[in-house]
PDB file of N, CA and C in Angstrom:
ATOM      1  N   MET A   1     -13.703  -7.177  -6.705  1.00  0.00           N
ATOM      2  CA  MET A   1     -12.607  -6.774  -5.847  1.00  0.00           C
ATOM      3  C   MET A   1     -11.295  -7.219  -6.493  1.00  0.00           C
ATOM      4  N   ILE A   2     -10.339  -6.315  -6.502  1.00  0.00           N
ATOM      5  CA  ILE A   2      -9.001  -6.621  -6.997  1.00  0.00           C
ATOM      6  C   ILE A   2      -8.153  -6.978  -5.785  1.00  0.00           C
ATOM      7  N   THR A   3      -7.647  -8.194  -5.757  1.00  0.00           N
ATOM      8  CA  THR A   3      -6.855  -8.661  -4.620  1.00  0.00           C
ATOM      9  C   THR A   3      -5.410  -8.828  -5.050  1.00  0.00           C
ATOM     10  N   TYR A   4      -4.509  -8.359  -4.193  1.00  0.00           N
ATOM     11  CA  TYR A   4      -3.081  -8.526  -4.460  1.00  0.00           C
ATOM     12  C   TYR A   4      -2.419  -9.015  -3.178  1.00  0.00           C
ATOM     13  N   ASP A   5      -1.790 -10.172  -3.275  1.00  0.00           N
ATOM     14  CA  ASP A   5      -1.076 -10.741  -2.135  1.00  0.00           C
ATOM     15  C   ASP A   5       0.357 -10.231  -2.188  1.00  0.00           C
ATOM     16  N   LEU A   6       0.780  -9.554  -1.149  1.00  0.00           N
ATOM     17  CA  LEU A   6       2.117  -8.969  -1.115  1.00  0.00           C
ATOM     18  C   LEU A   6       3.207 -10.004  -1.370  1.00  0.00           C
ATOM     19  N   LYS A   7       2.956 -11.256  -1.018  1.00  0.00           N
ATOM     20  CA  LYS A   7       3.957 -12.308  -1.257  1.00  0.00           C
ATOM     21  C   LYS A   7       4.223 -12.504  -2.744  1.00  0.00           C
ATOM     22  N   ASP A   8       3.277 -12.106  -3.601  1.00  0.00           N
ATOM     23  CA  ASP A   8       3.503 -12.194  -5.038  1.00  0.00           C
ATOM     24  C   ASP A   8       4.541 -11.173  -5.500  1.00  0.00           C
ATOM     25  N   PHE A   9       4.739 -10.149  -4.714  1.00  0.00           N
ATOM     26  CA  PHE A   9       5.805  -9.173  -4.958  1.00  0.00           C
ATOM     27  C   PHE A   9       7.104  -9.708  -4.374  1.00  0.00           C
ATOM     28  N   SER A  10       7.057 -10.104  -3.095  1.00  0.00           N
ATOM     29  CA  SER A  10       8.214 -10.695  -2.415  1.00  0.00           C
ATOM     30  C   SER A  10       7.775 -11.196  -1.046  1.00  0.00           C
ATOM     31  N   VAL A  11       8.330 -12.324  -0.608  1.00  0.00           N
ATOM     32  CA  VAL A  11       8.071 -12.779   0.759  1.00  0.00           C
ATOM     33  C   VAL A  11       8.980 -12.046   1.738  1.00  0.00           C
ATOM     34  N   THR A  12       9.954 -11.313   1.206  1.00  0.00           N
ATOM     35  CA  THR A  12      10.864 -10.531   2.048  1.00  0.00           C
ATOM     36  C   THR A  12      10.980  -9.103   1.523  1.00  0.00           C
ATOM     37  N   PRO A  13       9.873  -8.347   1.520  1.00  0.00           N
ATOM     38  CA  PRO A  13       9.964  -6.961   1.060  1.00  0.00           C
ATOM     39  C   PRO A  13      10.875  -6.174   1.996  1.00  0.00           C
ATOM     40  N   PHE A  14      11.702  -5.322   1.404  1.00  0.00           N
ATOM     41  CA  PHE A  14      12.698  -4.642   2.223  1.00  0.00           C
ATOM     42  C   PHE A  14      13.102  -3.319   1.590  1.00  0.00           C
ATOM     43  N   GLY A  15      13.263  -2.326   2.427  1.00  0.00           N
ATOM     44  CA  GLY A  15      13.834  -1.058   1.993  1.00  0.00           C
ATOM     45  C   GLY A  15      12.803  -0.069   1.508  1.00  0.00           C
ATOM     46  N   ARG A  16      13.233   1.159   1.517  1.00  0.00           N
ATOM     47  CA  ARG A  16      12.383   2.268   1.098  1.00  0.00           C
ATOM     48  C   ARG A  16      12.503   2.504  -0.409  1.00  0.00           C
ATOM     49  N   TYR A  17      13.735   2.504  -0.910  1.00  0.00           N
ATOM     50  CA  TYR A  17      13.999   2.883  -2.298  1.00  0.00           C
ATOM     51  C   TYR A  17      14.531   1.717  -3.114  1.00  0.00           C
ATOM     52  N   LYS A  18      14.416   1.839  -4.435  1.00  0.00           N
ATOM     53  CA  LYS A  18      14.936   0.802  -5.329  1.00  0.00           C
ATOM     54  C   LYS A  18      16.436   0.604  -5.155  1.00  0.00           C
ATOM     55  N   THR A  19      17.135   1.641  -4.726  1.00  0.00           N
ATOM     56  CA  THR A  19      18.574   1.502  -4.479  1.00  0.00           C
ATOM     57  C   THR A  19      18.856   0.640  -3.253  1.00  0.00           C
ATOM     58  N   ASP A  20      17.867   0.465  -2.388  1.00  0.00           N
ATOM     59  CA  ASP A  20      18.009  -0.392  -1.205  1.00  0.00           C
ATOM     60  C   ASP A  20      17.800  -1.861  -1.545  1.00  0.00           C
ATOM     61  N   SER A  21      16.863  -2.123  -2.458  1.00  0.00           N
ATOM     62  CA  SER A  21      16.475  -3.505  -2.736  1.00  0.00           C
ATOM     63  C   SER A  21      15.573  -3.540  -3.969  1.00  0.00           C
ATOM     64  N   PRO A  22      15.639  -4.614  -4.755  1.00  0.00           N
ATOM     65  CA  PRO A  22      14.679  -4.737  -5.852  1.00  0.00           C
ATOM     66  C   PRO A  22      13.252  -4.968  -5.337  1.00  0.00           C
ATOM     67  N   TYR A  23      13.135  -5.306  -4.063  1.00  0.00           N
ATOM     68  CA  TYR A  23      11.828  -5.546  -3.448  1.00  0.00           C
ATOM     69  C   TYR A  23      11.488  -4.433  -2.465  1.00  0.00           C
ATOM     70  N   SER A  24      11.799  -3.220  -2.869  1.00  0.00           N
ATOM     71  CA  SER A  24      11.614  -2.044  -2.024  1.00  0.00           C
ATOM     72  C   SER A  24      10.181  -1.528  -2.079  1.00  0.00           C
ATOM     73  N   ALA A  25       9.890  -0.624  -1.162  1.00  0.00           N
ATOM     74  CA  ALA A  25       8.585   0.030  -1.122  1.00  0.00           C
ATOM     75  C   ALA A  25       8.335   0.835  -2.387  1.00  0.00           C
ATOM     76  N   GLU A  26       9.367   1.478  -2.880  1.00  0.00           N
ATOM     77  CA  GLU A  26       9.233   2.265  -4.102  1.00  0.00           C
ATOM     78  C   GLU A  26       8.798   1.379  -5.277  1.00  0.00           C
ATOM     79  N   ALA A  27       9.395   0.198  -5.393  1.00  0.00           N
ATOM     80  CA  ALA A  27       9.021  -0.743  -6.458  1.00  0.00           C
ATOM     81  C   ALA A  27       7.602  -1.273  -6.244  1.00  0.00           C
ATOM     82  N   PHE A  28       7.258  -1.584  -5.005  1.00  0.00           N
ATOM     83  CA  PHE A  28       5.908  -2.071  -4.712  1.00  0.00           C
ATOM     84  C   PHE A  28       4.864  -0.995  -4.982  1.00  0.00           C
ATOM     85  N   ARG A  29       5.189   0.253  -4.643  1.00  0.00           N
ATOM     86  CA  ARG A  29       4.240   1.352  -4.852  1.00  0.00           C
ATOM     87  C   ARG A  29       3.875   1.477  -6.333  1.00  0.00           C
ATOM     88  N   GLU A  30       4.823   1.220  -7.224  1.00  0.00           N
ATOM     89  CA  GLU A  30       4.529   1.286  -8.657  1.00  0.00           C
ATOM     90  C   GLU A  30       3.457   0.264  -9.045  1.00  0.00           C
ATOM     91  N   ILE A  31       3.539  -0.924  -8.478  1.00  0.00           N
ATOM     92  CA  ILE A  31       2.514  -1.949  -8.719  1.00  0.00           C
ATOM     93  C   ILE A  31       1.184  -1.509  -8.115  1.00  0.00           C
ATOM     94  N   LEU A  32       1.259  -0.979  -6.915  1.00  0.00           N
ATOM     95  CA  LEU A  32       0.062  -0.534  -6.209  1.00  0.00           C
ATOM     96  C   LEU A  32      -0.663   0.568  -6.982  1.00  0.00           C
ATOM     97  N   ILE A  33       0.075   1.487  -7.556  1.00  0.00           N
ATOM     98  CA  ILE A  33      -0.528   2.562  -8.351  1.00  0.00           C
ATOM     99  C   ILE A  33      -1.306   1.980  -9.528  1.00  0.00           C
ATOM    100  N   LEU A  34      -0.725   1.006 -10.200  1.00  0.00           N
ATOM    101  CA  LEU A  34      -1.415   0.356 -11.323  1.00  0.00           C
ATOM    102  C   LEU A  34      -2.705  -0.315 -10.864  1.00  0.00           C
ATOM    103  N   LYS A  35      -2.635  -1.027  -9.739  1.00  0.00           N
ATOM    104  CA  LYS A  35      -3.822  -1.717  -9.209  1.00  0.00           C
ATOM    105  C   LYS A  35      -4.907  -0.717  -8.808  1.00  0.00           C
ATOM    106  N   LEU A  36      -4.509   0.368  -8.163  1.00  0.00           N
ATOM    107  CA  LEU A  36      -5.478   1.373  -7.723  1.00  0.00           C
ATOM    108  C   LEU A  36      -6.121   2.080  -8.915  1.00  0.00           C
ATOM    109  N   ASN A  37      -5.341   2.394  -9.932  1.00  0.00           N
ATOM    110  CA  ASN A  37      -5.910   3.012 -11.137  1.00  0.00           C
ATOM    111  C   ASN A  37      -6.866   2.057 -11.846  1.00  0.00           C
ATOM    112  N   GLU A  38      -6.515   0.782 -11.860  1.00  0.00           N
ATOM    113  CA  GLU A  38      -7.409  -0.236 -12.427  1.00  0.00           C
ATOM    114  C   GLU A  38      -8.728  -0.271 -11.654  1.00  0.00           C
ATOM    115  N   ALA A  39      -8.635  -0.187 -10.340  1.00  0.00           N
ATOM    116  CA  ALA A  39      -9.840  -0.197  -9.503  1.00  0.00           C
ATOM    117  C   ALA A  39     -10.714   1.024  -9.771  1.00  0.00           C
ATOM    118  N   ILE A  40     -10.097   2.176  -9.951  1.00  0.00           N
ATOM    119  CA  ILE A  40     -10.865   3.384 -10.251  1.00  0.00           C
ATOM    120  C   ILE A  40     -11.600   3.221 -11.576  1.00  0.00           C
ATOM    121  N   GLU A  41     -10.902   2.720 -12.590  1.00  0.00           N
ATOM    122  CA  GLU A  41     -11.513   2.526 -13.907  1.00  0.00           C
ATOM    123  C   GLU A  41     -12.682   1.546 -13.849  1.00  0.00           C
ATOM    124  N   GLN A  42     -12.563   0.529 -13.003  1.00  0.00           N
ATOM    125  CA  GLN A  42     -13.594  -0.509 -12.911  1.00  0.00           C
ATOM    126  C   GLN A  42     -14.607  -0.251 -11.791  1.00  0.00           C
ATOM    127  N   GLU A  43     -14.471   0.897 -11.115  1.00  0.00           N
ATOM    128  CA  GLU A  43     -15.309   1.211  -9.954  1.00  0.00           C
ATOM    129  C   GLU A  43     -15.261   0.067  -8.954  1.00  0.00           C
ATOM    130  N   ASP A  44     -14.055  -0.297  -8.589  1.00  0.00           N
ATOM    131  CA  ASP A  44     -13.788  -1.447  -7.733  1.00  0.00           C
ATOM    132  C   ASP A  44     -12.907  -1.007  -6.566  1.00  0.00           C
ATOM    133  N   VAL A  45     -12.482  -1.946  -5.764  1.00  0.00           N
ATOM    134  CA  VAL A  45     -11.572  -1.680  -4.648  1.00  0.00           C
ATOM    135  C   VAL A  45     -10.380  -2.632  -4.741  1.00  0.00           C
ATOM    136  N   VAL A  46      -9.276  -2.224  -4.121  1.00  0.00           N
ATOM    137  CA  VAL A  46      -8.077  -3.057  -4.059  1.00  0.00           C
ATOM    138  C   VAL A  46      -7.920  -3.555  -2.632  1.00  0.00           C
ATOM    139  N   THR A  47      -7.741  -4.850  -2.486  1.00  0.00           N
ATOM    140  CA  THR A  47      -7.454  -5.444  -1.186  1.00  0.00           C
ATOM    141  C   THR A  47      -6.049  -6.025  -1.235  1.00  0.00           C
ATOM    142  N   ILE A  48      -5.218  -5.575  -0.304  1.00  0.00           N
ATOM    143  CA  ILE A  48      -3.843  -6.052  -0.201  1.00  0.00           C
ATOM    144  C   ILE A  48      -3.770  -7.049   0.948  1.00  0.00           C
ATOM    145  N   ILE A  49      -3.269  -8.246   0.660  1.00  0.00           N
ATOM    146  CA  ILE A  49      -3.065  -9.267   1.691  1.00  0.00           C
ATOM    147  C   ILE A  49      -1.648  -9.093   2.230  1.00  0.00           C
ATOM    148  N   LEU A  50      -1.546  -8.860   3.531  1.00  0.00           N
ATOM    149  CA  LEU A  50      -0.260  -8.538   4.149  1.00  0.00           C
ATOM    150  C   LEU A  50       0.382  -9.688   4.915  1.00  0.00           C
ATOM    151  N   ASP A  51      -0.337 -10.771   5.138  1.00  0.00           N
ATOM    152  CA  ASP A  51       0.112 -11.781   6.104  1.00  0.00           C
ATOM    153  C   ASP A  51       1.101 -12.823   5.601  1.00  0.00           C
ATOM    154  N   ASN A  52       1.328 -12.919   4.333  1.00  0.00           N
ATOM    155  CA  ASN A  52       2.132 -14.021   3.816  1.00  0.00           C
ATOM    156  C   ASN A  52       3.584 -13.653   3.541  1.00  0.00           C
ATOM    157  N   VAL A  53       4.086 -12.656   4.261  1.00  0.00           N
ATOM    158  CA  VAL A  53       5.480 -12.235   4.122  1.00  0.00           C
ATOM    159  C   VAL A  53       6.171 -12.330   5.478  1.00  0.00           C
ATOM    160  N   TYR A  54       7.498 -12.257   5.451  1.00  0.00           N
ATOM    161  CA  TYR A  54       8.285 -12.375   6.679  1.00  0.00           C
ATOM    162  C   TYR A  54       8.518 -11.021   7.334  1.00  0.00           C
ATOM    163  N   GLY A  55       7.448 -10.322   7.633  1.00  0.00           N
ATOM    164  CA  GLY A  55       7.537  -9.053   8.338  1.00  0.00           C
ATOM    165  C   GLY A  55       7.560  -7.863   7.399  1.00  0.00           C
ATOM    166  N   LEU A  56       7.093  -6.736   7.922  1.00  0.00           N
ATOM    167  CA  LEU A  56       7.037  -5.495   7.163  1.00  0.00           C
ATOM    168  C   LEU A  56       7.603  -4.369   8.011  1.00  0.00           C
ATOM    169  N   GLY A  57       8.666  -3.764   7.543  1.00  0.00           N
ATOM    170  CA  GLY A  57       9.288  -2.663   8.268  1.00  0.00           C
ATOM    171  C   GLY A  57       8.508  -1.373   8.109  1.00  0.00           C
ATOM    172  N   SER A  58       8.664  -0.492   9.076  1.00  0.00           N
ATOM    173  CA  SER A  58       7.928   0.770   9.036  1.00  0.00           C
ATOM    174  C   SER A  58       8.327   1.620   7.830  1.00  0.00           C
ATOM    175  N   SER A  59       9.591   1.603   7.434  1.00  0.00           N
ATOM    176  CA  SER A  59       9.990   2.405   6.269  1.00  0.00           C
ATOM    177  C   SER A  59       9.350   1.867   4.992  1.00  0.00           C
ATOM    178  N   PHE A  60       9.213   0.546   4.896  1.00  0.00           N
ATOM    179  CA  PHE A  60       8.542  -0.051   3.737  1.00  0.00           C
ATOM    180  C   PHE A  60       7.078   0.383   3.706  1.00  0.00           C
ATOM    181  N   LEU A  61       6.401   0.308   4.833  1.00  0.00           N
ATOM    182  CA  LEU A  61       4.983   0.669   4.892  1.00  0.00           C
ATOM    183  C   LEU A  61       4.767   2.153   4.625  1.00  0.00           C
ATOM    184  N   GLU A  62       5.611   2.993   5.209  1.00  0.00           N
ATOM    185  CA  GLU A  62       5.447   4.435   5.021  1.00  0.00           C
ATOM    186  C   GLU A  62       5.666   4.823   3.564  1.00  0.00           C
ATOM    187  N   GLU A  63       6.726   4.315   2.962  1.00  0.00           N
ATOM    188  CA  GLU A  63       7.014   4.677   1.571  1.00  0.00           C
ATOM    189  C   GLU A  63       5.970   4.103   0.621  1.00  0.00           C
ATOM    190  N   SER A  64       5.526   2.880   0.871  1.00  0.00           N
ATOM    191  CA  SER A  64       4.517   2.257   0.006  1.00  0.00           C
ATOM    192  C   SER A  64       3.195   3.003   0.054  1.00  0.00           C
ATOM    193  N   PHE A  65       2.677   3.210   1.251  1.00  0.00           N
ATOM    194  CA  PHE A  65       1.319   3.720   1.405  1.00  0.00           C
ATOM    195  C   PHE A  65       1.270   5.222   1.675  1.00  0.00           C
ATOM    196  N   GLY A  66       2.099   5.722   2.562  1.00  0.00           N
ATOM    197  CA  GLY A  66       2.180   7.167   2.759  1.00  0.00           C
ATOM    198  C   GLY A  66       2.652   7.858   1.492  1.00  0.00           C
ATOM    199  N   GLY A  67       3.550   7.190   0.765  1.00  0.00           N
ATOM    200  CA  GLY A  67       4.067   7.738  -0.487  1.00  0.00           C
ATOM    201  C   GLY A  67       3.011   7.925  -1.558  1.00  0.00           C
ATOM    202  N   LEU A  68       1.944   7.148  -1.505  1.00  0.00           N
ATOM    203  CA  LEU A  68       0.844   7.326  -2.461  1.00  0.00           C
ATOM    204  C   LEU A  68       0.249   8.725  -2.355  1.00  0.00           C
ATOM    205  N   VAL A  69       0.166   9.229  -1.124  1.00  0.00           N
ATOM    206  CA  VAL A  69      -0.383  10.563  -0.882  1.00  0.00           C
ATOM    207  C   VAL A  69       0.714  11.615  -1.010  1.00  0.00           C
ATOM    208  N   ARG A  70       1.840  11.385  -0.367  1.00  0.00           N
ATOM    209  CA  ARG A  70       2.939  12.349  -0.341  1.00  0.00           C
ATOM    210  C   ARG A  70       3.423  12.697  -1.751  1.00  0.00           C
ATOM    211  N   LYS A  71       3.445  11.710  -2.636  1.00  0.00           N
ATOM    212  CA  LYS A  71       3.915  11.927  -4.013  1.00  0.00           C
ATOM    213  C   LYS A  71       2.790  12.407  -4.939  1.00  0.00           C
ATOM    214  N   GLY A  72       1.575  12.537  -4.404  1.00  0.00           N
ATOM    215  CA  GLY A  72       0.466  13.109  -5.158  1.00  0.00           C
ATOM    216  C   GLY A  72      -0.288  12.162  -6.077  1.00  0.00           C
ATOM    217  N   TYR A  73      -0.115  10.870  -5.910  1.00  0.00           N
ATOM    218  CA  TYR A  73      -0.829   9.913  -6.759  1.00  0.00           C
ATOM    219  C   TYR A  73      -2.307   9.801  -6.391  1.00  0.00           C
ATOM    220  N   PHE A  74      -2.593   9.846  -5.087  1.00  0.00           N
ATOM    221  CA  PHE A  74      -3.964   9.718  -4.593  1.00  0.00           C
ATOM    222  C   PHE A  74      -4.123  10.610  -3.370  1.00  0.00           C
ATOM    223  N   THR A  75      -5.372  10.906  -3.024  1.00  0.00           N
ATOM    224  CA  THR A  75      -5.629  11.665  -1.804  1.00  0.00           C
ATOM    225  C   THR A  75      -5.930  10.696  -0.661  1.00  0.00           C
ATOM    226  N   LYS A  76      -5.830  11.212   0.541  1.00  0.00           N
ATOM    227  CA  LYS A  76      -6.183  10.416   1.723  1.00  0.00           C
ATOM    228  C   LYS A  76      -7.629   9.944   1.618  1.00  0.00           C
ATOM    229  N   ASP A  77      -8.496  10.854   1.195  1.00  0.00           N
ATOM    230  CA  ASP A  77      -9.915  10.515   1.089  1.00  0.00           C
ATOM    231  C   ASP A  77     -10.161   9.413   0.071  1.00  0.00           C
ATOM    232  N   GLN A  78      -9.488   9.466  -1.062  1.00  0.00           N
ATOM    233  CA  GLN A  78      -9.652   8.403  -2.061  1.00  0.00           C
ATOM    234  C   GLN A  78      -9.300   7.045  -1.473  1.00  0.00           C
ATOM    235  N   LEU A  79      -8.205   7.002  -0.736  1.00  0.00           N
ATOM    236  CA  LEU A  79      -7.710   5.726  -0.234  1.00  0.00           C
ATOM    237  C   LEU A  79      -8.518   5.191   0.936  1.00  0.00           C
ATOM    238  N   LEU A  80      -8.910   6.074   1.857  1.00  0.00           N
ATOM    239  CA  LEU A  80      -9.475   5.596   3.118  1.00  0.00           C
ATOM    240  C   LEU A  80     -10.900   6.037   3.412  1.00  0.00           C
ATOM    241  N   SER A  81     -11.357   7.135   2.818  1.00  0.00           N
ATOM    242  CA  SER A  81     -12.635   7.694   3.261  1.00  0.00           C
ATOM    243  C   SER A  81     -13.764   7.585   2.256  1.00  0.00           C
ATOM    244  N   SER A  82     -13.440   7.392   1.002  1.00  0.00           N
ATOM    245  CA  SER A  82     -14.514   7.318   0.016  1.00  0.00           C
ATOM    246  C   SER A  82     -15.364   6.081   0.280  1.00  0.00           C
ATOM    247  N   SER A  83     -16.556   6.095  -0.258  1.00  0.00           N
ATOM    248  CA  SER A  83     -17.449   4.967  -0.016  1.00  0.00           C
ATOM    249  C   SER A  83     -17.788   4.300  -1.339  1.00  0.00           C
ATOM    250  N   PRO A  84     -17.343   3.092  -1.581  1.00  0.00           N
ATOM    251  CA  PRO A  84     -16.463   2.326  -0.687  1.00  0.00           C
ATOM    252  C   PRO A  84     -15.029   2.839  -0.792  1.00  0.00           C
ATOM    253  N   ARG A  85     -14.281   2.619   0.249  1.00  0.00           N
ATOM    254  CA  ARG A  85     -12.891   3.072   0.220  1.00  0.00           C
ATOM    255  C   ARG A  85     -12.137   2.305  -0.852  1.00  0.00           C
ATOM    256  N   LEU A  86     -11.175   2.941  -1.445  1.00  0.00           N
ATOM    257  CA  LEU A  86     -10.442   2.381  -2.577  1.00  0.00           C
ATOM    258  C   LEU A  86      -9.455   1.301  -2.156  1.00  0.00           C
ATOM    259  N   LEU A  87      -8.940   1.397  -0.934  1.00  0.00           N
ATOM    260  CA  LEU A  87      -7.867   0.516  -0.486  1.00  0.00           C
ATOM    261  C   LEU A  87      -8.260  -0.201   0.801  1.00  0.00           C
ATOM    262  N   ASN A  88      -8.219  -1.525   0.757  1.00  0.00           N
ATOM    263  CA  ASN A  88      -8.506  -2.354   1.928  1.00  0.00           C
ATOM    264  C   ASN A  88      -7.354  -3.316   2.158  1.00  0.00           C
ATOM    265  N   PHE A  89      -7.359  -3.915   3.332  1.00  0.00           N
ATOM    266  CA  PHE A  89      -6.284  -4.834   3.701  1.00  0.00           C
ATOM    267  C   PHE A  89      -6.851  -6.079   4.355  1.00  0.00           C
ATOM    268  N   GLU A  90      -6.154  -7.186   4.154  1.00  0.00           N
ATOM    269  CA  GLU A  90      -6.423  -8.413   4.898  1.00  0.00           C
ATOM    270  C   GLU A  90      -5.165  -8.723   5.692  1.00  0.00           C
ATOM    271  N   THR A  91      -5.325  -8.810   7.013  1.00  0.00           N
ATOM    272  CA  THR A  91      -4.204  -9.144   7.877  1.00  0.00           C
ATOM    273  C   THR A  91      -4.725  -9.581   9.236  1.00  0.00           C
ATOM    274  N   GLU A  92      -3.960 -10.431   9.875  1.00  0.00           N
ATOM    275  CA  GLU A  92      -4.269 -10.822  11.248  1.00  0.00           C
ATOM    276  C   GLU A  92      -3.590  -9.890  12.243  1.00  0.00           C
ATOM    277  N   HIS A  93      -2.828  -8.933  11.739  1.00  0.00           N
ATOM    278  CA  HIS A  93      -2.035  -8.045  12.589  1.00  0.00           C
ATOM    279  C   HIS A  93      -2.594  -6.622  12.517  1.00  0.00           C
ATOM    280  N   ASP A  94      -3.421  -6.272  13.486  1.00  0.00           N
ATOM    281  CA  ASP A  94      -4.051  -4.954  13.495  1.00  0.00           C
ATOM    282  C   ASP A  94      -3.042  -3.817  13.513  1.00  0.00           C
ATOM    283  N   PHE A  95      -1.866  -4.050  14.096  1.00  0.00           N
ATOM    284  CA  PHE A  95      -0.881  -2.976  14.170  1.00  0.00           C
ATOM    285  C   PHE A  95      -0.419  -2.547  12.777  1.00  0.00           C
ATOM    286  N   TYR A  96      -0.428  -3.452  11.799  1.00  0.00           N
ATOM    287  CA  TYR A  96      -0.098  -3.053  10.424  1.00  0.00           C
ATOM    288  C   TYR A  96      -1.149  -2.082   9.892  1.00  0.00           C
ATOM    289  N   LEU A  97      -2.415  -2.378  10.147  1.00  0.00           N
ATOM    290  CA  LEU A  97      -3.494  -1.501   9.691  1.00  0.00           C
ATOM    291  C   LEU A  97      -3.383  -0.121  10.319  1.00  0.00           C
ATOM    292  N   GLU A  98      -3.146  -0.096  11.618  1.00  0.00           N
ATOM    293  CA  GLU A  98      -3.019   1.180  12.322  1.00  0.00           C
ATOM    294  C   GLU A  98      -1.845   1.983  11.781  1.00  0.00           C
ATOM    295  N   GLU A  99      -0.732   1.305  11.550  1.00  0.00           N
ATOM    296  CA  GLU A  99       0.465   1.975  11.056  1.00  0.00           C
ATOM    297  C   GLU A  99       0.234   2.524   9.638  1.00  0.00           C
ATOM    298  N   ILE A 100      -0.328   1.720   8.766  1.00  0.00           N
ATOM    299  CA  ILE A 100      -0.579   2.148   7.385  1.00  0.00           C
ATOM    300  C   ILE A 100      -1.537   3.334   7.357  1.00  0.00           C
ATOM    301  N   GLU A 101      -2.620   3.254   8.105  1.00  0.00           N
ATOM    302  CA  GLU A 101      -3.582   4.355   8.117  1.00  0.00           C
ATOM    303  C   GLU A 101      -2.960   5.625   8.681  1.00  0.00           C
ATOM    304  N   GLU A 102      -2.097   5.486   9.679  1.00  0.00           N
ATOM    305  CA  GLU A 102      -1.395   6.655  10.216  1.00  0.00           C
ATOM    306  C   GLU A 102      -0.501   7.277   9.146  1.00  0.00           C
ATOM    307  N   TYR A 103       0.239   6.463   8.413  1.00  0.00           N
ATOM    308  CA  TYR A 103       1.126   6.985   7.369  1.00  0.00           C
ATOM    309  C   TYR A 103       0.339   7.684   6.266  1.00  0.00           C
ATOM    310  N   ILE A 104      -0.787   7.129   5.891  1.00  0.00           N
ATOM    311  CA  ILE A 104      -1.616   7.767   4.865  1.00  0.00           C
ATOM    312  C   ILE A 104      -2.189   9.077   5.398  1.00  0.00           C
ATOM    313  N   ASN A 105      -2.712   9.059   6.617  1.00  0.00           N
ATOM    314  CA  ASN A 105      -3.352  10.249   7.184  1.00  0.00           C
ATOM    315  C   ASN A 105      -2.383  11.373   7.506  1.00  0.00           C
ATOM    316  N   THR A 106      -1.130  11.053   7.768  1.00  0.00           N
ATOM    317  CA  THR A 106      -0.162  12.100   8.123  1.00  0.00           C
ATOM    318  C   THR A 106       0.746  12.491   6.958  1.00  0.00           C
ATOM    319  N   ALA A 107       0.553  11.876   5.803  1.00  0.00           N
ATOM    320  CA  ALA A 107       1.385  12.199   4.635  1.00  0.00           C
ATOM    321  C   ALA A 107       1.114  13.629   4.186  1.00  0.00           C
ATOM    322  N   ARG A 108       2.181  14.325   3.900  1.00  0.00           N
ATOM    323  CA  ARG A 108       2.067  15.706   3.418  1.00  0.00           C
ATOM    324  C   ARG A 108       2.314  15.737   1.924  1.00  0.00           C
ATOM    325  N   THR A 109       1.471  16.493   1.239  1.00  0.00           N
ATOM    326  CA  THR A 109       1.628  16.598  -0.218  1.00  0.00           C
ATOM    327  C   THR A 109       2.438  17.812  -0.584  1.00  0.00           C
TER     328      THR A 109
END
């Protein structure tokens, strides 16, 4: 399992685009793409730890995770439905999981 703790990116992730912040969703998504491609090559999964940051805004979550599908990097099925699913999360906050899965499932390509 490939594990990535979001706090290693920033304890205060903020913004949708790099023009908003160096710790934006767009910048994080670039790291996420590398991790997911590594997982595909190794027939592994990526687990993102979400709990060690000071909150996650909806625009950050949508651009990070919905953007994976919307921008054509991965399909919804690759991320959430394949067995085993490519992307997993560790969090004590179920609402983050629900929000992320909604953004991935409703992303338009």
